[in-house]
Amino acid sequence: MGWDWMAANSGDWGGLMLSRDSGKTWAMLGAFPANYYISAIVIQSPTSFLVGARAHFHSRDDGGVWATHDGGASWTRSLTRPVYDLVALDAGKKLVLAALPWVSAVSSVLLSRSGGSDAEGWEPFAEGLTWDARTPFYPTFAVGKNTVFVGALTVNPAKLSDTASAIYSRPLSDVSSPRRTHERLRGTSLARSRTAAWSRVPGGPARLDRDGMPKDRMALLVHPADDSLLFVAGNADALVWRVRWAEGKWVPSGAD
């Protein structure tokens, strides 16, 4: 047991496994460091992929992103901060977003334009995110044809049973457009100069974490043929919602 996310990270912390025959057999990738809580994987090619980790078994703050370009025989660590979700946004898998849990809003989303493998390549991409002055735990992405979303159940760090939720959207064109200035993440200094920003998805219940326990994730899915339709699931009895997000129209599953 514990008082923070380490209490919820149950399961196998043994490492990373790979199948090359559609899941019939699996082999351990022994070169990947042991005892990490792996939370995200991005496949860039048959031999190149990224792995995000939320924490280390012995340290809640020891997470990050690792990249391999030789099928897992060797790894390079490009980020040394806990990461919950990773998503590639372009066909070439060079534009990668990382969602960071239990951090301030301005640090909660990072962008890499170099496929996530360059330690100097991560830059802040959190303009417009506020999380209502709360802390996001387990933030997650959903990607449509023209829009990217990030959502999270959130918590008041001074009272861990005080939970809420928030979802934001942003045009993919914001991600692919050239930077107006040279931005990089260096230590805790975050330079922000873009004019574009994330926009809060309006409407919906104030709290999608009904049991008041900051240990669960929100589920997001964009309709494959209709960017205007987002599916959202919360925790406990928060149900599943069909959301016309631009209109702020939330319809619980089964209501029609």
C-alpha atoms as a PDB file:
ATOM      1  CA  MET A   1       0.000   0.000   0.000  1.00  0.00           C
ATOM      2  CA  GLY A   2       0.991   3.640  -0.297  1.00  0.00           C
ATOM      3  CA  TRP A   3      -0.353   7.149  -0.467  1.00  0.00           C
ATOM      4  CA  ASP A   4       0.534   8.098  -4.052  1.00  0.00           C
ATOM      5  CA  TRP A   5       0.530   6.508  -7.515  1.00  0.00           C
ATOM      6  CA  MET A   6       2.927   3.765  -6.444  1.00  0.00           C
ATOM      7  CA  ALA A   7      -0.007   2.160  -4.610  1.00  0.00           C
ATOM      8  CA  ALA A   8      -1.896   1.853  -7.894  1.00  0.00           C
ATOM      9  CA  ASN A   9       0.915   0.630 -10.141  1.00  0.00           C
ATOM     10  CA  SER A  10       0.222  -3.020  -9.472  1.00  0.00           C
ATOM     11  CA  GLY A  11       1.062  -5.704 -11.995  1.00  0.00           C
ATOM     12  CA  ASP A  12       4.219  -6.921 -13.673  1.00  0.00           C
ATOM     13  CA  TRP A  13       7.192  -4.571 -13.541  1.00  0.00           C
ATOM     14  CA  GLY A  14       9.431  -7.222 -15.085  1.00  0.00           C
ATOM     15  CA  GLY A  15      10.326  -5.511 -18.345  1.00  0.00           C
ATOM     16  CA  LEU A  16       9.450  -5.267 -22.024  1.00  0.00           C
ATOM     17  CA  MET A  17       8.472  -8.132 -24.327  1.00  0.00           C
ATOM     18  CA  LEU A  18       8.255  -8.287 -28.133  1.00  0.00           C
ATOM     19  CA  SER A  19       6.370 -10.571 -30.509  1.00  0.00           C
ATOM     20  CA  ARG A  20       7.248 -10.876 -34.194  1.00  0.00           C
ATOM     21  CA  ASP A  21       4.599 -13.476 -35.078  1.00  0.00           C
ATOM     22  CA  SER A  22       1.333 -11.673 -34.269  1.00  0.00           C
ATOM     23  CA  GLY A  23       1.444 -12.593 -30.611  1.00  0.00           C
ATOM     24  CA  LYS A  24       1.976 -16.345 -30.925  1.00  0.00           C
ATOM     25  CA  THR A  25       5.313 -16.166 -29.129  1.00  0.00           C
ATOM     26  CA  TRP A  26       7.010 -13.507 -27.057  1.00  0.00           C
ATOM     27  CA  ALA A  27      10.606 -12.742 -26.139  1.00  0.00           C
ATOM     28  CA  MET A  28      11.920 -10.536 -23.370  1.00  0.00           C
ATOM     29  CA  LEU A  29      13.933  -7.534 -24.532  1.00  0.00           C
ATOM     30  CA  GLY A  30      16.628  -7.906 -21.941  1.00  0.00           C
ATOM     31  CA  ALA A  31      18.470  -4.733 -22.893  1.00  0.00           C
ATOM     32  CA  PHE A  32      15.602  -2.568 -21.640  1.00  0.00           C
ATOM     33  CA  PRO A  33      16.197  -1.531 -18.010  1.00  0.00           C
ATOM     34  CA  ALA A  34      14.304  -3.596 -15.460  1.00  0.00           C
ATOM     35  CA  ASN A  35      11.722  -2.592 -12.862  1.00  0.00           C
ATOM     36  CA  TYR A  36      10.029   0.216 -14.796  1.00  0.00           C
ATOM     37  CA  TYR A  37       6.266   0.701 -14.935  1.00  0.00           C
ATOM     38  CA  ILE A  38       5.837   0.864 -18.718  1.00  0.00           C
ATOM     39  CA  SER A  39       2.857   2.998 -19.668  1.00  0.00           C
ATOM     40  CA  ALA A  40       3.186   3.743 -23.409  1.00  0.00           C
ATOM     41  CA  ILE A  41       4.722   2.312 -26.578  1.00  0.00           C
ATOM     42  CA  VAL A  42       4.976   3.955 -30.011  1.00  0.00           C
ATOM     43  CA  ILE A  43       5.933   1.725 -32.952  1.00  0.00           C
ATOM     44  CA  GLN A  44       7.797   3.762 -35.567  1.00  0.00           C
ATOM     45  CA  SER A  45       9.069   0.887 -37.726  1.00  0.00           C
ATOM     46  CA  PRO A  46       9.743  -2.850 -37.293  1.00  0.00           C
ATOM     47  CA  THR A  47      13.027  -1.966 -35.590  1.00  0.00           C
ATOM     48  CA  SER A  48      12.411   1.516 -34.157  1.00  0.00           C
ATOM     49  CA  PHE A  49      10.082   2.316 -31.298  1.00  0.00           C
ATOM     50  CA  LEU A  50       9.664   4.449 -28.206  1.00  0.00           C
ATOM     51  CA  VAL A  51       8.801   3.300 -24.704  1.00  0.00           C
ATOM     52  CA  GLY A  52       7.428   5.560 -21.989  1.00  0.00           C
ATOM     53  CA  ALA A  53       7.621   4.704 -18.297  1.00  0.00           C
ATOM     54  CA  ARG A  54       5.596   6.115 -15.439  1.00  0.00           C
ATOM     55  CA  ALA A  55       7.916   5.201 -12.575  1.00  0.00           C
ATOM     56  CA  HIS A  56      10.579   2.832 -11.317  1.00  0.00           C
ATOM     57  CA  PHE A  57       9.752   0.194  -8.735  1.00  0.00           C
ATOM     58  CA  HIS A  58      12.153   1.839  -6.286  1.00  0.00           C
ATOM     59  CA  SER A  59      11.477   5.486  -7.193  1.00  0.00           C
ATOM     60  CA  ARG A  60       8.159   7.098  -8.065  1.00  0.00           C
ATOM     61  CA  ASP A  61       9.909  10.000  -9.848  1.00  0.00           C
ATOM     62  CA  ASP A  62      12.188   7.868 -12.025  1.00  0.00           C
ATOM     63  CA  GLY A  63      10.394   7.561 -15.369  1.00  0.00           C
ATOM     64  CA  GLY A  64      11.036   8.725 -18.898  1.00  0.00           C
ATOM     65  CA  VAL A  65      11.253   7.861 -22.580  1.00  0.00           C
ATOM     66  CA  TRP A  66      13.602   5.361 -24.239  1.00  0.00           C
ATOM     67  CA  ALA A  67      14.228   4.870 -27.967  1.00  0.00           C
ATOM     68  CA  THR A  68      15.605   1.930 -29.917  1.00  0.00           C
ATOM     69  CA  HIS A  69      16.543   1.723 -33.595  1.00  0.00           C
ATOM     70  CA  ASP A  70      17.825  -1.852 -33.632  1.00  0.00           C
ATOM     71  CA  GLY A  71      14.773  -3.796 -32.543  1.00  0.00           C
ATOM     72  CA  GLY A  72      15.465  -3.462 -28.833  1.00  0.00           C
ATOM     73  CA  ALA A  73      19.085  -4.613 -28.770  1.00  0.00           C
ATOM     74  CA  SER A  74      20.113  -1.215 -27.399  1.00  0.00           C
ATOM     75  CA  TRP A  75      18.277   1.771 -25.938  1.00  0.00           C
ATOM     76  CA  THR A  76      18.835   5.508 -25.602  1.00  0.00           C
ATOM     77  CA  ARG A  77      17.051   7.446 -22.885  1.00  0.00           C
ATOM     78  CA  SER A  78      15.759  10.764 -24.210  1.00  0.00           C
ATOM     79  CA  LEU A  79      13.674  11.966 -21.251  1.00  0.00           C
ATOM     80  CA  THR A  80      14.214  11.453 -17.527  1.00  0.00           C
ATOM     81  CA  ARG A  81      10.821  12.563 -16.213  1.00  0.00           C
ATOM     82  CA  PRO A  82       7.795  10.315 -15.575  1.00  0.00           C
ATOM     83  CA  VAL A  83       5.627   9.876 -18.684  1.00  0.00           C
ATOM     84  CA  TYR A  84       2.198   8.302 -18.872  1.00  0.00           C
ATOM     85  CA  ASP A  85       1.258   8.532 -22.553  1.00  0.00           C
ATOM     86  CA  LEU A  86       3.060   8.899 -25.874  1.00  0.00           C
ATOM     87  CA  VAL A  87       1.541   9.435 -29.306  1.00  0.00           C
ATOM     88  CA  ALA A  88       2.990   9.960 -32.792  1.00  0.00           C
ATOM     89  CA  LEU A  89       1.054  12.480 -34.866  1.00  0.00           C
ATOM     90  CA  ASP A  90       2.441  12.194 -38.392  1.00  0.00           C
ATOM     91  CA  ALA A  91       2.983   9.418 -40.910  1.00  0.00           C
ATOM     92  CA  GLY A  92       6.736   9.600 -40.467  1.00  0.00           C
ATOM     93  CA  LYS A  93       6.385   9.273 -36.674  1.00  0.00           C
ATOM     94  CA  LYS A  94       8.670  12.271 -36.140  1.00  0.00           C
ATOM     95  CA  LEU A  95       6.169  14.441 -34.258  1.00  0.00           C
ATOM     96  CA  VAL A  96       5.674  12.858 -30.839  1.00  0.00           C
ATOM     97  CA  LEU A  97       3.727  14.150 -27.848  1.00  0.00           C
ATOM     98  CA  ALA A  98       4.413  13.061 -24.272  1.00  0.00           C
ATOM     99  CA  ALA A  99       1.914  13.474 -21.417  1.00  0.00           C
ATOM    100  CA  LEU A 100       3.460  13.922 -17.977  1.00  0.00           C
ATOM    101  CA  PRO A 101       1.510  13.031 -14.810  1.00  0.00           C
ATOM    102  CA  TRP A 102       1.515  14.745 -11.425  1.00  0.00           C
ATOM    103  CA  VAL A 103       3.142  17.945 -12.685  1.00  0.00           C
ATOM    104  CA  SER A 104       2.106  21.564 -13.111  1.00  0.00           C
ATOM    105  CA  ALA A 105      -0.019  22.441 -16.135  1.00  0.00           C
ATOM    106  CA  VAL A 106       2.825  24.163 -17.999  1.00  0.00           C
ATOM    107  CA  SER A 107       4.875  20.962 -17.824  1.00  0.00           C
ATOM    108  CA  SER A 108       2.141  18.448 -18.602  1.00  0.00           C
ATOM    109  CA  VAL A 109       2.623  18.070 -22.388  1.00  0.00           C
ATOM    110  CA  LEU A 110       5.920  18.000 -24.281  1.00  0.00           C
ATOM    111  CA  LEU A 111       6.600  17.800 -28.019  1.00  0.00           C
ATOM    112  CA  SER A 112       9.474  16.185 -29.891  1.00  0.00           C
ATOM    113  CA  ARG A 113      10.050  16.936 -33.571  1.00  0.00           C
ATOM    114  CA  SER A 114      12.821  14.360 -33.853  1.00  0.00           C
ATOM    115  CA  GLY A 115      10.884  11.172 -33.202  1.00  0.00           C
ATOM    116  CA  GLY A 116      11.352  11.313 -29.437  1.00  0.00           C
ATOM    117  CA  SER A 117      14.878   9.926 -29.526  1.00  0.00           C
ATOM    118  CA  ASP A 118      16.805  13.184 -29.041  1.00  0.00           C
ATOM    119  CA  ALA A 119      17.314  14.249 -25.431  1.00  0.00           C
ATOM    120  CA  GLU A 120      17.630  17.875 -26.536  1.00  0.00           C
ATOM    121  CA  GLY A 121      14.556  17.675 -28.738  1.00  0.00           C
ATOM    122  CA  TRP A 122      11.728  17.887 -26.203  1.00  0.00           C
ATOM    123  CA  GLU A 123       9.969  21.242 -25.977  1.00  0.00           C
ATOM    124  CA  PRO A 124       6.969  22.486 -23.964  1.00  0.00           C
ATOM    125  CA  PHE A 125       3.635  22.193 -25.741  1.00  0.00           C
ATOM    126  CA  ALA A 126       1.182  23.016 -22.969  1.00  0.00           C
ATOM    127  CA  GLU A 127      -0.088  26.477 -23.883  1.00  0.00           C
ATOM    128  CA  GLY A 128      -3.701  26.786 -22.783  1.00  0.00           C
ATOM    129  CA  LEU A 129      -3.667  23.859 -20.364  1.00  0.00           C
ATOM    130  CA  THR A 130      -4.713  24.802 -16.835  1.00  0.00           C
ATOM    131  CA  TRP A 131      -6.316  21.619 -15.455  1.00  0.00           C
ATOM    132  CA  ASP A 132      -8.348  24.036 -13.295  1.00  0.00           C
ATOM    133  CA  ALA A 133      -5.307  24.619 -11.065  1.00  0.00           C
ATOM    134  CA  ARG A 134      -5.284  20.916 -10.240  1.00  0.00           C
ATOM    135  CA  THR A 135      -2.804  18.147 -10.960  1.00  0.00           C
ATOM    136  CA  PRO A 136      -3.421  15.679 -13.803  1.00  0.00           C
ATOM    137  CA  PHE A 137      -2.847  12.027 -13.006  1.00  0.00           C
ATOM    138  CA  TYR A 138      -2.519   9.606 -15.904  1.00  0.00           C
ATOM    139  CA  PRO A 139      -3.192  12.105 -18.746  1.00  0.00           C
ATOM    140  CA  THR A 140      -3.966  10.444 -22.064  1.00  0.00           C
ATOM    141  CA  PHE A 141      -4.157  11.427 -25.742  1.00  0.00           C
ATOM    142  CA  ALA A 142      -6.573  10.720 -28.576  1.00  0.00           C
ATOM    143  CA  VAL A 143      -5.811  11.626 -32.186  1.00  0.00           C
ATOM    144  CA  GLY A 144      -8.230  12.291 -35.025  1.00  0.00           C
ATOM    145  CA  LYS A 145      -7.614  13.264 -38.619  1.00  0.00           C
ATOM    146  CA  ASN A 146      -7.227  16.964 -37.835  1.00  0.00           C
ATOM    147  CA  THR A 147      -7.392  17.248 -34.050  1.00  0.00           C
ATOM    148  CA  VAL A 148      -5.486  15.955 -31.045  1.00  0.00           C
ATOM    149  CA  PHE A 149      -7.035  15.690 -27.587  1.00  0.00           C
ATOM    150  CA  VAL A 150      -5.566  15.351 -24.125  1.00  0.00           C
ATOM    151  CA  GLY A 151      -7.674  14.475 -21.118  1.00  0.00           C
ATOM    152  CA  ALA A 152      -7.094  13.530 -17.520  1.00  0.00           C
ATOM    153  CA  LEU A 153      -8.732  12.910 -14.233  1.00  0.00           C
ATOM    154  CA  THR A 154      -7.341  15.572 -11.919  1.00  0.00           C
ATOM    155  CA  VAL A 155      -6.746  15.951  -8.212  1.00  0.00           C
ATOM    156  CA  ASN A 156      -6.314  18.643  -5.607  1.00  0.00           C
ATOM    157  CA  PRO A 157      -2.812  17.808  -4.293  1.00  0.00           C
ATOM    158  CA  ALA A 158      -3.777  19.162  -0.877  1.00  0.00           C
ATOM    159  CA  LYS A 159      -6.731  16.763  -0.642  1.00  0.00           C
ATOM    160  CA  LEU A 160      -6.330  13.587  -2.663  1.00  0.00           C
ATOM    161  CA  SER A 161     -10.004  12.613  -2.442  1.00  0.00           C
ATOM    162  CA  ASP A 162     -10.952  15.878  -4.202  1.00  0.00           C
ATOM    163  CA  THR A 163     -10.896  14.765  -7.845  1.00  0.00           C
ATOM    164  CA  ALA A 164     -12.267  16.232 -11.072  1.00  0.00           C
ATOM    165  CA  SER A 165     -11.584  15.975 -14.819  1.00  0.00           C
ATOM    166  CA  ALA A 166     -10.798  18.009 -17.933  1.00  0.00           C
ATOM    167  CA  ILE A 167     -10.345  17.509 -21.686  1.00  0.00           C
ATOM    168  CA  TYR A 168      -8.604  19.809 -24.171  1.00  0.00           C
ATOM    169  CA  SER A 169      -8.383  19.888 -27.968  1.00  0.00           C
ATOM    170  CA  ARG A 170      -5.856  21.326 -30.395  1.00  0.00           C
ATOM    171  CA  PRO A 171      -5.599  21.346 -34.207  1.00  0.00           C
ATOM    172  CA  LEU A 172      -2.906  19.062 -35.567  1.00  0.00           C
ATOM    173  CA  SER A 173      -1.765  21.977 -37.704  1.00  0.00           C
ATOM    174  CA  ASP A 174      -0.455  23.603 -34.504  1.00  0.00           C
ATOM    175  CA  VAL A 175       1.885  20.667 -34.032  1.00  0.00           C
ATOM    176  CA  SER A 176       3.180  20.457 -37.576  1.00  0.00           C
ATOM    177  CA  SER A 177       3.660  24.198 -38.098  1.00  0.00           C
ATOM    178  CA  PRO A 178       7.216  25.538 -37.728  1.00  0.00           C
ATOM    179  CA  ARG A 179       8.224  27.005 -34.399  1.00  0.00           C
ATOM    180  CA  ARG A 180       8.216  30.771 -34.212  1.00  0.00           C
ATOM    181  CA  THR A 181      11.126  30.751 -31.800  1.00  0.00           C
ATOM    182  CA  HIS A 182      13.758  28.328 -30.600  1.00  0.00           C
ATOM    183  CA  GLU A 183      12.182  26.490 -27.667  1.00  0.00           C
ATOM    184  CA  ARG A 184      13.692  23.758 -25.576  1.00  0.00           C
ATOM    185  CA  LEU A 185      13.086  22.136 -22.238  1.00  0.00           C
ATOM    186  CA  ARG A 186      16.076  22.815 -19.998  1.00  0.00           C
ATOM    187  CA  GLY A 187      15.747  21.825 -16.373  1.00  0.00           C
ATOM    188  CA  THR A 188      12.630  23.459 -14.991  1.00  0.00           C
ATOM    189  CA  SER A 189      12.714  26.520 -17.238  1.00  0.00           C
ATOM    190  CA  LEU A 190       9.882  26.466 -19.776  1.00  0.00           C
ATOM    191  CA  ALA A 191       9.941  29.013 -22.581  1.00  0.00           C
ATOM    192  CA  ARG A 192       6.542  29.620 -24.196  1.00  0.00           C
ATOM    193  CA  SER A 193       6.036  31.866 -27.190  1.00  0.00           C
ATOM    194  CA  ARG A 194       3.417  30.260 -29.437  1.00  0.00           C
ATOM    195  CA  THR A 195       0.153  32.061 -30.035  1.00  0.00           C
ATOM    196  CA  ALA A 196      -1.800  28.827 -30.613  1.00  0.00           C
ATOM    197  CA  ALA A 197      -3.001  26.902 -27.586  1.00  0.00           C
ATOM    198  CA  TRP A 198      -5.056  24.009 -26.285  1.00  0.00           C
ATOM    199  CA  SER A 199      -8.785  24.748 -25.898  1.00  0.00           C
ATOM    200  CA  ARG A 200     -10.968  23.343 -23.140  1.00  0.00           C
ATOM    201  CA  VAL A 201     -13.732  21.009 -24.319  1.00  0.00           C
ATOM    202  CA  PRO A 202     -16.889  22.588 -22.857  1.00  0.00           C
ATOM    203  CA  GLY A 203     -19.787  20.941 -21.075  1.00  0.00           C
ATOM    204  CA  GLY A 204     -19.815  17.527 -19.523  1.00  0.00           C
ATOM    205  CA  PRO A 205     -19.758  16.387 -15.909  1.00  0.00           C
ATOM    206  CA  ALA A 206     -17.403  18.199 -13.576  1.00  0.00           C
ATOM    207  CA  ARG A 207     -16.135  14.924 -12.207  1.00  0.00           C
ATOM    208  CA  LEU A 208     -15.433  11.786 -14.213  1.00  0.00           C
ATOM    209  CA  ASP A 209     -13.640  10.152 -11.283  1.00  0.00           C
ATOM    210  CA  ARG A 210     -16.596   9.161  -9.146  1.00  0.00           C
ATOM    211  CA  ASP A 211     -14.811   7.158  -6.466  1.00  0.00           C
ATOM    212  CA  GLY A 212     -12.534  10.038  -5.443  1.00  0.00           C
ATOM    213  CA  MET A 213      -9.353   7.982  -5.703  1.00  0.00           C
ATOM    214  CA  PRO A 214      -6.527   9.392  -7.880  1.00  0.00           C
ATOM    215  CA  LYS A 215      -5.472   6.065  -9.351  1.00  0.00           C
ATOM    216  CA  ASP A 216      -7.439   5.700 -12.582  1.00  0.00           C
ATOM    217  CA  ARG A 217      -7.272   7.005 -16.128  1.00  0.00           C
ATOM    218  CA  MET A 218      -9.742   8.588 -18.494  1.00  0.00           C
ATOM    219  CA  ALA A 219     -10.353   6.793 -21.794  1.00  0.00           C
ATOM    220  CA  LEU A 220     -10.583   8.862 -24.997  1.00  0.00           C
ATOM    221  CA  LEU A 221     -11.369   7.759 -28.544  1.00  0.00           C
ATOM    222  CA  VAL A 222     -12.030   9.852 -31.649  1.00  0.00           C
ATOM    223  CA  HIS A 223     -14.531   8.524 -34.179  1.00  0.00           C
ATOM    224  CA  PRO A 224     -12.383   7.227 -37.076  1.00  0.00           C
ATOM    225  CA  ALA A 225     -14.441   9.046 -39.712  1.00  0.00           C
ATOM    226  CA  ASP A 226     -15.672  12.081 -37.772  1.00  0.00           C
ATOM    227  CA  ASP A 227     -13.326  14.327 -35.804  1.00  0.00           C
ATOM    228  CA  SER A 228     -16.284  16.133 -34.270  1.00  0.00           C
ATOM    229  CA  LEU A 229     -17.297  13.043 -32.280  1.00  0.00           C
ATOM    230  CA  LEU A 230     -15.300  12.044 -29.218  1.00  0.00           C
ATOM    231  CA  PHE A 231     -15.979   9.064 -26.948  1.00  0.00           C
ATOM    232  CA  VAL A 232     -15.112   9.576 -23.281  1.00  0.00           C
ATOM    233  CA  ALA A 233     -15.145   7.129 -20.380  1.00  0.00           C
ATOM    234  CA  GLY A 234     -14.511   7.939 -16.747  1.00  0.00           C
ATOM    235  CA  ASN A 235     -14.170   5.848 -13.610  1.00  0.00           C
ATOM    236  CA  ALA A 236     -16.648   4.003 -11.380  1.00  0.00           C
ATOM    237  CA  ASP A 237     -20.201   4.944 -12.449  1.00  0.00           C
ATOM    238  CA  ALA A 238     -19.112   7.836 -14.680  1.00  0.00           C
ATOM    239  CA  LEU A 239     -20.357   5.903 -17.735  1.00  0.00           C
ATOM    240  CA  VAL A 240     -19.375   6.390 -21.361  1.00  0.00           C
ATOM    241  CA  TRP A 241     -20.215   9.594 -23.214  1.00  0.00           C
ATOM    242  CA  ARG A 242     -20.557  10.531 -26.867  1.00  0.00           C
ATOM    243  CA  VAL A 243     -19.322  14.092 -27.111  1.00  0.00           C
ATOM    244  CA  ARG A 244     -19.854  16.610 -29.891  1.00  0.00           C
ATOM    245  CA  TRP A 245     -16.953  18.421 -28.367  1.00  0.00           C
ATOM    246  CA  ALA A 246     -17.031  21.653 -30.405  1.00  0.00           C
ATOM    247  CA  GLU A 247     -20.654  22.163 -29.345  1.00  0.00           C
ATOM    248  CA  GLY A 248     -20.149  21.020 -25.767  1.00  0.00           C
ATOM    249  CA  LYS A 249     -22.881  18.407 -26.229  1.00  0.00           C
ATOM    250  CA  TRP A 250     -22.388  15.343 -24.007  1.00  0.00           C
ATOM    251  CA  VAL A 251     -24.753  12.381 -24.385  1.00  0.00           C
ATOM    252  CA  PRO A 252     -24.394   9.389 -22.049  1.00  0.00           C
ATOM    253  CA  SER A 253     -24.223   6.007 -23.724  1.00  0.00           C
ATOM    254  CA  GLY A 254     -27.674   4.475 -24.138  1.00  0.00           C
ATOM    255  CA  ALA A 255     -29.499   7.784 -23.695  1.00  0.00           C
ATOM    256  CA  ASP A 256     -30.821   7.762 -27.256  1.00  0.00           C
END
